Amino acid sequence: QNGWSIDEEAVMRRVESHRYLRCTLVDVHLDTVTIHVRERVPKAYLHHNGMTITLDNRGYVLEETLDNEATDGALVKVDGLSVRRCALGQKLNLSMAEQLETYTQLLVELEAMKGLSMIRELDMTSMDSIYLVTTDDYQIRLGDETKIHEKLRAFMITKQALGEMSDTRGRTGTIDVADPAQPSFMPDDMTQWAE
C-alpha cells in the first residue's frame, strides 16, 4: 500500500482497539510506516456498581471483575469519582470532568516523581479537599485541584524529612500541602510526640 494513502487516524483507532495499547504516533515516510505504541499499565482501581474496575493512569478501563478482592496490592484505591459510565477499553465517563483531569495529573506526576508506589489510596469525594493515603498510613491533604505539581513536590520533600527524623519513626499523621509553600505536619497522637 502506498504510504501516502494510509489513514493515520484509522491506524491509531485500530491499535487502540486493544485496551492495553496506546498509539502515540503514526510516522509515515515514502516506503516505511512506523507505529509508536505504549502499553497501558494498571495503576489504580475503584469499586462501582458491585464491580472492581482497574484503570491506567489516564482513566482508561483495563479490567472489570465482580470479585471485590481481586486487586493488586500495588494499585491505588480511588474513592469519590462521580462515575457516569465505564466501559472496557474506554476512558471513564464522569459527571465532573475536572475529576478525570485531576486524577490523571495526580497519577502521572506521582509516577514521574517516583512516588506512586508510596500511595495506597486517593480520595476525591470533595474536590476542595483531596486526600492521599500512603502505604505507611500518612494522610496527605492536597486541598483543591490547583498546583498539583507543587503540592506533590511539597509532600515528597516533607515525607522524606519526616523519615529522616528519628523521633517520627513508626508514627503517623497528616501532611497538609494545601499551601505548598508552607507544608505542615500534624501527628495522629500528640501524646506520643510529647514523650
Protein backbone atom coordinates (compact mmCIF):
# COMPACT_ATOMS: atom_id res chain seq x y z
CA GLN A 1 0.00 0.00 0.00
CA ASN A 2 1.23 3.48 -0.82
CA GLY A 3 2.35 5.19 2.39
CA TRP A 4 0.57 8.40 1.48
CA SER A 5 -2.79 6.60 1.28
CA ILE A 6 -2.58 5.37 4.87
CA ASP A 7 -5.21 6.89 7.17
CA GLU A 8 -3.20 7.65 10.32
CA GLU A 9 -6.32 8.16 12.46
CA ALA A 10 -7.71 4.78 11.37
CA VAL A 11 -4.39 3.09 12.22
CA MET A 12 -4.42 4.69 15.68
CA ARG A 13 -8.01 3.59 16.28
CA ARG A 14 -7.21 0.00 15.23
CA VAL A 15 -4.18 -0.17 17.52
CA GLU A 16 -6.15 1.31 20.42
CA SER A 17 -8.99 -1.17 19.90
CA HIS A 18 -6.79 -3.35 22.11
CA ARG A 19 -7.45 -1.85 25.54
CA TYR A 20 -3.86 -2.35 26.75
CA LEU A 21 -2.30 -0.39 23.88
CA ARG A 22 -1.97 3.37 23.37
CA CYS A 23 -0.81 4.64 19.98
CA THR A 24 1.34 7.74 20.41
CA LEU A 25 2.40 8.34 16.79
CA VAL A 26 1.97 7.01 13.27
CA ASP A 27 5.02 8.12 11.29
CA VAL A 28 4.58 7.76 7.51
CA HIS A 29 7.55 8.05 5.13
CA LEU A 30 7.79 7.13 1.45
CA ASP A 31 8.13 3.38 1.87
CA THR A 32 8.01 2.96 5.66
CA VAL A 33 5.29 3.31 8.27
CA THR A 34 6.37 3.33 11.92
CA ILE A 35 3.73 2.96 14.62
CA HIS A 36 4.76 4.08 18.12
CA VAL A 37 2.87 2.17 20.79
CA ARG A 38 2.87 2.25 24.59
CA GLU A 39 1.37 -0.29 26.90
CA ARG A 40 -1.41 0.85 29.23
CA VAL A 41 -0.39 -0.37 32.68
CA PRO A 42 -2.80 -0.89 35.60
CA LYS A 43 -2.21 1.82 38.23
CA ALA A 44 -5.45 2.16 40.19
CA TYR A 45 -8.82 0.60 40.89
CA LEU A 46 -12.24 1.64 42.10
CA HIS A 47 -15.46 -0.07 43.12
CA HIS A 48 -18.51 0.78 41.03
CA ASN A 49 -21.93 -0.92 40.88
CA GLY A 50 -20.62 -4.04 42.63
CA MET A 51 -17.63 -4.35 40.32
CA THR A 52 -13.93 -3.71 40.70
CA ILE A 53 -12.68 -1.54 37.84
CA THR A 54 -8.93 -1.48 37.07
CA LEU A 55 -7.62 1.74 35.48
CA ASP A 56 -4.44 3.05 33.91
CA ASN A 57 -3.03 6.44 34.95
CA ARG A 58 -5.21 8.28 32.41
CA GLY A 59 -8.54 6.75 33.43
CA TYR A 60 -8.85 4.01 30.78
CA VAL A 61 -10.78 0.95 31.96
CA LEU A 62 -8.49 -2.07 31.61
CA GLU A 63 -10.38 -4.73 33.57
CA GLU A 64 -13.78 -5.28 35.18
CA THR A 65 -14.44 -8.04 37.68
CA LEU A 66 -17.19 -8.99 40.12
CA ASP A 67 -14.55 -10.07 42.63
CA ASN A 68 -14.02 -7.14 45.01
CA GLU A 69 -10.94 -8.84 46.44
CA ALA A 70 -9.21 -9.26 43.06
CA THR A 71 -6.96 -6.20 43.29
CA ASP A 72 -3.22 -5.97 43.11
CA GLY A 73 -1.78 -4.59 46.36
CA ALA A 74 0.40 -2.25 44.29
CA LEU A 75 -2.62 -0.44 42.81
CA VAL A 76 -4.02 2.79 44.25
CA LYS A 77 -7.60 2.56 45.53
CA VAL A 78 -9.64 5.52 44.25
CA ASP A 79 -12.75 6.79 46.04
CA GLY A 80 -15.18 9.59 45.24
CA LEU A 81 -15.13 9.65 41.44
CA SER A 82 -18.54 10.63 40.03
CA VAL A 83 -18.75 7.75 37.53
CA ARG A 84 -21.49 8.19 34.96
CA ARG A 85 -20.43 5.32 32.73
CA CYS A 86 -17.48 2.99 32.36
CA ALA A 87 -16.77 0.60 29.52
CA LEU A 88 -13.90 -1.77 28.98
CA GLY A 89 -11.18 -0.17 26.84
CA GLN A 90 -12.59 3.35 27.15
CA LYS A 91 -11.93 6.34 29.40
CA LEU A 92 -14.14 6.70 32.43
CA ASN A 93 -17.10 8.96 31.77
CA LEU A 94 -17.51 11.17 34.84
CA SER A 95 -20.20 13.72 35.61
CA MET A 96 -17.42 16.06 36.82
CA ALA A 97 -14.84 16.34 34.00
CA GLU A 98 -12.30 18.05 36.27
CA GLN A 99 -12.10 14.88 38.36
CA LEU A 100 -10.61 12.91 35.46
CA GLU A 101 -8.14 15.70 34.67
CA THR A 102 -7.07 15.84 38.33
CA TYR A 103 -6.88 12.03 38.63
CA THR A 104 -4.66 11.88 35.53
CA GLN A 105 -2.42 14.72 36.67
CA LEU A 106 -2.01 13.20 40.14
CA LEU A 107 -1.07 9.72 38.91
CA VAL A 108 1.17 10.92 36.07
CA GLU A 109 3.00 13.40 38.35
CA LEU A 110 3.41 10.87 41.17
CA GLU A 111 4.81 8.33 38.73
CA ALA A 112 7.24 10.90 37.30
CA MET A 113 8.38 11.75 40.85
CA LYS A 114 8.83 8.03 41.67
CA GLY A 115 6.20 8.40 44.38
CA LEU A 116 3.25 6.40 43.07
CA SER A 117 4.40 3.23 44.85
CA MET A 118 4.13 5.16 48.16
CA ILE A 119 0.38 5.76 47.70
CA ARG A 120 -2.34 3.33 48.81
CA GLU A 121 -5.47 5.48 48.42
CA LEU A 122 -6.75 8.57 46.61
CA ASP A 123 -9.95 10.20 47.88
CA MET A 124 -11.60 12.67 45.51
CA THR A 125 -15.00 12.76 47.21
CA SER A 126 -14.62 16.51 47.70
CA MET A 127 -12.71 18.39 45.02
CA ASP A 128 -12.00 21.09 47.62
CA SER A 129 -10.35 18.58 49.93
CA ILE A 130 -8.49 15.85 48.01
CA TYR A 131 -6.62 13.31 50.15
CA LEU A 132 -3.96 10.69 49.56
CA VAL A 133 -3.07 7.91 52.00
CA THR A 134 0.44 6.46 51.91
CA THR A 135 1.29 2.79 52.28
CA ASP A 136 2.64 3.61 55.76
CA ASP A 137 -0.63 5.35 56.80
CA TYR A 138 0.23 9.04 56.47
CA GLN A 139 -2.68 11.16 55.24
CA ILE A 140 -1.81 13.82 52.69
CA ARG A 141 -4.22 16.76 52.42
CA LEU A 142 -3.90 18.34 48.99
CA GLY A 143 -6.81 20.76 49.22
CA ASP A 144 -8.28 21.58 45.80
CA GLU A 145 -7.05 20.59 42.32
CA THR A 146 -4.79 23.61 41.79
CA LYS A 147 -0.96 23.49 41.83
CA ILE A 148 -0.84 19.67 41.82
CA HIS A 149 2.84 19.52 40.86
CA GLU A 150 3.87 21.91 43.64
CA LYS A 151 1.73 20.11 46.23
CA LEU A 152 3.10 16.67 45.35
CA ARG A 153 6.65 18.01 45.42
CA ALA A 154 5.99 19.55 48.88
CA PHE A 155 4.57 16.20 50.05
CA MET A 156 7.62 14.26 48.80
CA ILE A 157 10.07 16.66 50.46
CA THR A 158 8.12 16.72 53.75
CA LYS A 159 7.71 12.94 53.81
CA GLN A 160 11.43 12.47 53.23
CA ALA A 161 12.26 14.94 56.01
CA LEU A 162 9.91 13.11 58.40
CA GLY A 163 11.55 9.80 57.52
CA GLU A 164 14.96 11.21 58.39
CA MET A 165 13.83 12.36 61.86
CA SER A 166 14.43 9.55 64.35
CA ASP A 167 11.58 10.63 66.65
CA THR A 168 8.97 10.20 63.89
CA ARG A 169 9.66 6.57 63.04
CA GLY A 170 6.61 4.35 63.41
CA ARG A 171 4.30 7.33 63.93
CA THR A 172 1.76 8.69 61.53
CA GLY A 173 -0.19 11.86 60.95
CA THR A 174 -1.40 14.30 58.33
CA ILE A 175 0.87 16.17 55.96
CA ASP A 176 -1.00 19.25 54.78
CA VAL A 177 0.23 20.64 51.46
CA ALA A 178 -2.88 22.65 50.53
CA ASP A 179 -0.47 25.60 50.60
CA PRO A 180 2.62 24.03 49.02
CA ALA A 181 4.80 26.97 50.05
CA GLN A 182 4.08 26.16 53.71
CA PRO A 183 3.54 22.43 54.20
CA SER A 184 2.70 21.32 57.73
CA PHE A 185 2.55 18.09 59.69
CA MET A 186 0.08 17.14 62.42
CA PRO A 187 0.73 13.83 64.20
CA ASP A 188 -2.20 11.49 64.85
CA ASP A 189 -1.35 11.04 68.53
CA MET A 190 0.07 14.18 70.15
CA THR A 191 0.78 12.34 73.42
CA GLN A 192 3.33 10.07 71.72
CA TRP A 193 5.12 13.13 70.40
CA ALA A 194 5.25 14.77 73.82
CA GLU A 195 7.19 11.85 75.30
